[in-house]
Protein backbone atom coordinates (compact mmCIF):
# COMPACT_ATOMS: atom_id res chain seq x y z
CA CYS A 1 12.66 -2.25 -5.73
CA TYR A 2 13.81 -4.63 -2.94
CA GLY A 3 14.70 -7.54 -5.04
CA SER A 4 13.01 -6.99 -8.49
CA THR A 5 13.86 -5.05 -11.55
CA GLY A 6 13.62 -1.21 -10.90
CA PRO A 7 14.88 2.08 -11.97
CA LEU A 8 18.22 1.53 -10.57
CA SER A 9 18.56 -1.88 -12.31
CA THR A 10 20.81 -2.16 -15.33
CA ASN A 11 19.18 -1.49 -18.73
CA PRO A 12 20.52 -4.36 -20.95
CA LEU A 13 20.36 -2.13 -24.00
CA THR A 14 22.81 0.57 -22.44
CA GLY A 15 24.62 -1.17 -19.62
CA LYS A 16 23.64 1.70 -17.35
CA SER A 17 20.86 2.10 -14.76
CA TYR A 18 17.38 2.89 -16.27
CA PHE A 19 16.89 6.06 -14.09
CA HIS A 20 14.53 8.35 -16.05
CA ASP A 21 14.21 5.76 -18.93
CA SER A 22 12.53 3.25 -16.53
CA PRO A 23 9.18 2.13 -18.21
CA LEU A 24 5.81 2.59 -16.70
CA VAL A 25 4.87 -0.33 -14.66
CA THR A 26 1.33 -1.26 -13.67
CA ASN A 27 -0.02 -3.37 -10.82
CA ARG A 28 -1.01 -5.91 -13.45
CA ASP A 29 2.68 -6.09 -14.71
CA ILE A 30 3.77 -6.59 -11.12
CA ILE A 31 1.45 -9.56 -10.37
CA GLN A 32 2.52 -11.21 -13.50
CA ALA A 33 6.06 -11.07 -12.32
CA PHE A 34 4.66 -12.53 -9.07
CA ASP A 35 3.02 -15.36 -10.92
CA LEU A 36 6.17 -16.13 -12.89
CA LEU A 37 7.88 -16.59 -9.40
CA ARG A 38 4.99 -18.70 -8.23
CA LYS A 39 5.27 -20.98 -11.17
CA GLY A 40 9.12 -21.19 -10.82
CA LEU A 41 8.85 -22.36 -7.32
CA GLY A 42 6.40 -25.02 -8.38
CA ILE A 43 3.48 -23.67 -6.16
CA ASN A 44 0.12 -24.73 -7.76
CA LYS A 45 -2.14 -23.68 -4.85
CA VAL A 46 -1.99 -20.96 -2.31
CA HIS A 47 -4.04 -21.15 0.85
CA THR A 48 -4.42 -17.49 1.68
CA LEU A 49 -3.42 -14.39 -0.36
CA ILE A 50 -3.26 -11.37 1.77
CA GLY A 51 -2.29 -7.69 1.23
CA GLY A 52 -3.03 -4.12 2.24
CA SER A 53 -3.02 -0.88 0.33
CA LEU A 54 -1.00 -1.10 -2.77
CA GLY A 55 -0.45 -4.72 -1.86
CA GLY A 56 -4.17 -5.16 -1.48
CA GLN A 57 -4.67 -3.76 -5.01
CA GLN A 58 -2.20 -6.34 -6.26
CA THR A 59 -4.04 -9.22 -4.50
CA LEU A 60 -7.24 -8.31 -6.37
CA GLU A 61 -5.32 -8.30 -9.64
CA TRP A 62 -3.77 -11.63 -8.85
CA ALA A 63 -6.90 -13.30 -7.59
CA ILE A 64 -8.73 -12.11 -10.82
CA SER A 65 -5.99 -13.21 -13.29
CA GLN A 66 -5.40 -16.58 -11.60
CA PRO A 67 -8.71 -17.49 -9.96
CA SER A 68 -8.09 -21.23 -9.52
CA VAL A 69 -4.71 -20.64 -7.58
CA PHE A 70 -6.00 -19.10 -4.45
CA ASP A 71 -8.28 -20.70 -1.81
CA HIS A 72 -8.66 -17.55 0.26
CA LEU A 73 -8.21 -13.80 -0.28
CA ILE A 74 -7.95 -11.18 2.28
CA ALA A 75 -7.88 -7.68 0.79
CA ILE A 76 -7.22 -4.76 3.31
CA ALA A 77 -7.71 -1.04 2.85
CA CYS A 78 -7.66 -1.15 -0.97
CA ASN A 79 -10.00 -0.47 -3.94
CA ALA A 80 -11.17 -1.79 -7.29
CA GLN A 81 -9.83 1.45 -8.98
CA HIS A 82 -7.55 4.15 -7.75
CA SER A 83 -9.44 7.20 -7.01
CA PRO A 84 -9.08 10.70 -8.36
CA TRP A 85 -8.37 11.68 -4.76
CA GLY A 86 -5.52 9.19 -4.38
CA ILE A 87 -4.15 9.94 -7.84
CA ALA A 88 -4.17 13.70 -6.81
CA PHE A 89 -2.22 12.95 -3.68
CA ASN A 90 0.43 10.92 -5.69
CA GLU A 91 0.78 13.59 -8.34
CA ALA A 92 1.35 16.40 -5.61
CA GLN A 93 4.19 14.23 -4.29
CA ARG A 94 5.67 13.59 -7.66
CA MET A 95 5.62 17.42 -8.18
CA ALA A 96 7.59 17.78 -5.06
CA ILE A 97 10.21 15.41 -6.38
CA GLU A 98 10.28 17.28 -9.75
CA ALA A 99 10.85 20.52 -7.90
CA ASP A 100 14.08 19.14 -6.61
CA PRO A 101 16.71 20.58 -9.04
CA THR A 102 18.80 17.32 -8.83
CA TRP A 103 15.84 15.19 -10.18
CA LYS A 104 17.09 15.67 -13.74
CA GLU A 105 20.23 14.02 -12.98
CA ASN A 106 21.02 10.28 -13.75
CA ASP A 107 22.16 9.47 -10.23
CA ALA A 108 20.87 7.11 -7.48
CA ARG A 109 20.32 10.10 -5.09
CA ALA A 110 18.66 12.37 -7.52
CA GLY A 111 15.42 13.87 -6.24
CA ILE A 112 16.08 12.85 -2.68
CA GLU A 113 15.27 16.17 -1.17
CA GLY A 114 12.12 16.30 -3.15
CA MET A 115 11.22 12.78 -2.06
CA LYS A 116 11.68 13.78 1.63
CA ALA A 117 8.91 16.41 0.99
CA ALA A 118 6.83 13.86 -0.88
CA ARG A 119 6.93 11.36 2.01
CA ALA A 120 5.91 14.07 4.35
CA MET A 121 2.90 15.01 2.19
CA GLY A 122 2.12 11.23 2.02
CA MET A 123 2.12 10.95 5.75
CA ILE A 124 -0.82 13.26 5.94
CA SER A 125 -2.90 10.97 3.79
CA TYR A 126 -1.82 7.81 5.75
CA ARG A 127 -2.84 9.31 9.11
CA THR A 128 -5.75 11.44 10.47
CA TYR A 129 -6.32 14.62 12.37
CA GLU A 130 -6.78 12.53 15.55
CA THR A 131 -3.39 10.78 14.89
CA TYR A 132 -1.47 14.05 15.05
CA GLN A 133 -3.54 15.46 17.80
CA SER A 134 -2.77 12.48 19.92
CA THR A 135 0.91 11.92 19.15
CA GLN A 136 2.29 15.28 18.12
CA ALA A 137 0.49 17.88 20.05
CA GLU A 138 2.58 20.34 22.13
CA LYS A 139 2.80 19.80 25.98
CA GLY A 140 2.78 23.54 26.87
CA THR A 141 1.23 26.81 25.58
CA GLU A 142 4.36 29.01 24.97
CA LYS A 143 5.99 27.57 21.78
CA ILE A 144 5.89 29.66 18.66
CA ASP A 145 8.24 27.60 16.44
CA GLY A 146 9.77 24.10 16.32
CA TYR A 147 6.65 22.24 16.67
CA ARG A 148 6.70 18.45 17.26
CA ALA A 149 4.36 17.97 14.16
CA ALA A 150 6.81 19.84 12.04
CA SER A 151 9.83 17.85 13.21
CA TYR A 152 7.93 14.62 12.81
CA GLN A 153 7.20 15.31 9.18
CA LYS A 154 11.04 16.07 8.63
CA TYR A 155 11.81 12.77 10.43
CA GLN A 156 9.68 10.81 8.32
CA GLY A 157 11.19 12.25 5.07
CA GLN A 158 14.58 11.61 6.23
CA LYS A 159 14.00 8.15 7.38
CA LEU A 160 12.53 7.15 4.09
CA ALA A 161 15.41 8.82 2.20
CA SER A 162 17.96 6.62 4.16
CA ARG A 163 16.46 3.42 2.67
CA PHE A 164 14.70 4.44 -0.61
CA ASN A 165 15.26 6.36 -3.87
CA ALA A 166 13.11 8.86 -5.58
CA PHE A 167 12.96 6.86 -8.88
CA THR A 168 11.33 3.88 -7.41
CA TYR A 169 9.13 6.01 -5.29
CA TRP A 170 8.01 7.76 -8.58
CA VAL A 171 7.40 4.32 -10.37
CA LEU A 172 5.49 2.80 -7.48
CA SER A 173 3.14 5.82 -7.19
CA LYS A 174 2.51 5.49 -10.96
CA ALA A 175 1.72 1.80 -10.59
CA MET A 176 -0.78 2.66 -7.82
CA ASP A 177 -2.37 5.28 -10.00
CA SER A 178 -2.80 2.77 -13.02
CA HIS A 179 -4.82 0.41 -10.78
CA HIS A 180 -8.08 -0.42 -12.41
CA VAL A 181 -9.31 -4.07 -12.17
CA GLY A 182 -11.90 -3.37 -14.94
CA ARG A 183 -9.34 -2.31 -17.58
CA ALA A 184 -9.87 -4.47 -20.66
CA ARG A 185 -12.29 -6.59 -18.59
CA GLY A 186 -15.53 -4.68 -19.20
CA SER A 187 -15.88 -3.17 -15.87
CA ALA A 188 -14.67 -3.49 -12.32
CA GLN A 189 -17.95 -5.41 -11.36
CA GLN A 190 -17.28 -7.87 -14.15
CA ALA A 191 -13.68 -8.36 -13.34
CA LEU A 192 -14.35 -9.02 -9.47
CA LYS A 193 -16.90 -11.56 -10.55
CA LYS A 194 -14.03 -13.71 -11.73
CA ILE A 195 -12.63 -14.16 -8.17
CA LYS A 196 -13.18 -17.72 -7.01
CA ALA A 197 -11.29 -17.52 -3.68
CA LYS A 198 -13.29 -17.19 -0.41
CA THR A 199 -12.85 -13.54 0.25
CA LEU A 200 -12.66 -11.27 3.19
CA VAL A 201 -12.57 -7.50 2.53
CA VAL A 202 -11.38 -5.29 5.41
CA GLY A 203 -11.87 -1.49 5.58
CA ILE A 204 -10.62 1.05 8.10
CA GLU A 205 -13.53 3.37 9.00
CA ASN A 206 -11.43 6.58 9.15
CA ASP A 207 -9.09 5.86 6.28
CA LEU A 208 -8.69 9.12 4.34
CA LEU A 209 -6.85 7.52 1.31
CA TYR A 210 -9.04 4.43 0.75
CA PRO A 211 -12.63 5.36 2.14
CA PHE A 212 -14.77 2.61 3.62
CA HIS A 213 -17.18 2.68 0.78
CA GLU A 214 -14.43 1.38 -1.55
CA GLN A 215 -14.01 -1.78 0.47
CA ARG A 216 -17.88 -2.18 0.79
CA PHE A 217 -18.05 -2.03 -3.13
CA LEU A 218 -15.46 -4.88 -3.26
CA ALA A 219 -17.32 -7.04 -0.73
CA GLU A 220 -20.54 -6.44 -2.74
CA ALA A 221 -18.94 -7.26 -6.05
CA ILE A 222 -16.81 -10.32 -5.16
CA PRO A 223 -19.02 -13.41 -4.98
CA GLY A 224 -19.71 -14.57 -1.54
CA ALA A 225 -17.22 -12.06 -0.14
CA ALA A 226 -17.25 -11.06 3.76
CA PHE A 227 -16.71 -7.57 5.03
CA GLU A 228 -15.28 -6.45 8.28
CA GLY A 229 -14.48 -3.12 9.36
CA LEU A 230 -12.49 -1.46 12.13
CA THR A 231 -11.46 1.99 13.42
CA SER A 232 -7.86 2.91 14.15
CA LEU A 233 -6.29 6.15 15.48
CA TYR A 234 -3.80 5.73 12.74
CA GLY A 235 -6.19 5.88 9.89
CA HIS A 236 -4.97 4.19 6.69
CA ASP A 237 -1.68 3.02 8.47
CA GLY A 238 -4.02 1.10 10.91
CA PHE A 239 -3.49 -1.96 8.73
CA LEU A 240 0.17 -1.86 9.82
CA VAL A 241 -0.61 -1.38 13.53
CA GLU A 242 -3.89 -3.00 14.76
CA PHE A 243 -2.41 -6.52 15.11
CA HIS A 244 -4.85 -7.64 17.74
CA GLN A 245 -7.90 -6.58 15.80
CA PHE A 246 -6.62 -8.17 12.60
CA LYS A 247 -5.69 -11.37 14.39
CA LYS A 248 -9.33 -11.66 15.60
CA ILE A 249 -10.74 -10.72 12.12
CA VAL A 250 -8.57 -13.10 10.18
CA GLY A 251 -9.02 -15.89 12.75
CA ARG A 252 -12.86 -15.62 12.56
CA PHE A 253 -12.76 -15.64 8.69
CA LEU A 254 -10.43 -18.79 8.49
CA LYS A 255 -12.42 -20.59 11.20
CA SER A 256 -15.64 -19.94 9.34
CA GLU A 257 -14.21 -21.73 6.31
CA GLY A 258 -13.34 -24.75 8.29
CA THR A 259 -9.69 -24.45 7.95
CA ASN A 260 -7.58 -26.20 10.64
CA GLN A 261 -4.63 -23.85 10.11
CA GLU A 262 -4.02 -21.38 12.88
CA THR A 263 -3.72 -17.67 12.24
CA ALA A 264 -0.10 -16.85 12.14
CA THR A 265 -0.38 -13.39 13.54
CA ALA A 266 2.06 -12.60 16.33
CA ASP A 267 0.77 -11.04 19.56
CA ALA A 268 2.07 -7.45 19.84
CA THR A 269 1.56 -4.53 21.96
CA TYR A 270 1.99 -0.86 21.01
CA ASP A 271 1.46 2.64 22.21
CA PHE A 272 1.60 6.08 20.76
CA LYS A 273 5.41 6.28 21.43
CA SER A 274 5.96 3.30 19.14
CA LEU A 275 4.37 5.02 16.22
CA GLU A 276 7.71 6.14 14.76
CA GLU A 277 9.13 2.68 15.07
CA PHE A 278 6.42 0.62 13.48
CA ASN A 279 6.72 2.40 10.13
CA GLN A 280 10.44 1.70 9.75
């Protein structure tokens, strides 16, 4: 899992990788590990906690569990509870991994072909109809096979397979499914009231995976929270692409809080041709 314990890590009880024996990990577990790191580094206060999508879910959990640590919170394209819609997308992707006959093996590359299909399925939820129409439409009228959209899906699956594994993909999708800030806290509303950080919630209007109303709910439930929305051709993935919009939004938020710190967002340009590059 890029630096932390994951399914390919060594199980101290067996001396072998966990593989299928890897335990269920929740977002709450993950932020508890983050907080151990924070304490180990001697960090008592954090100026701004920011995250999007799965990372946004984790920022909420962290700000709830350690409300006195964070001065500012910026939660992007996320929710208080992962929706049945989102869980269904994740389960469909796990079914694709399960359908790979190698998935039952205890090997780092097990299920990799299934993960390619899972990634292709996931891409549809991260983008929109307009994304594909603008970036993958055919230039002519005569083609009857070998479409750009089809090759793009295969490309995305192969690209992820070159740097990731199906076990970790599985575990992280389960962590996302488990997300519910209200678990053992009465309700989502009660949990969100615990947040003390000055909060900005950002939603993407045409996000298919985390609809706008989920961010509005957060902004209404977190005391004193502000809400900003944007529209992106890239749908949910807009939080990875719309650098200029986010720089302005974050800059306004921090300036409104009287901070002297500048927004550390690099200037960036992009076009439709760069879509395949930004998601590497």
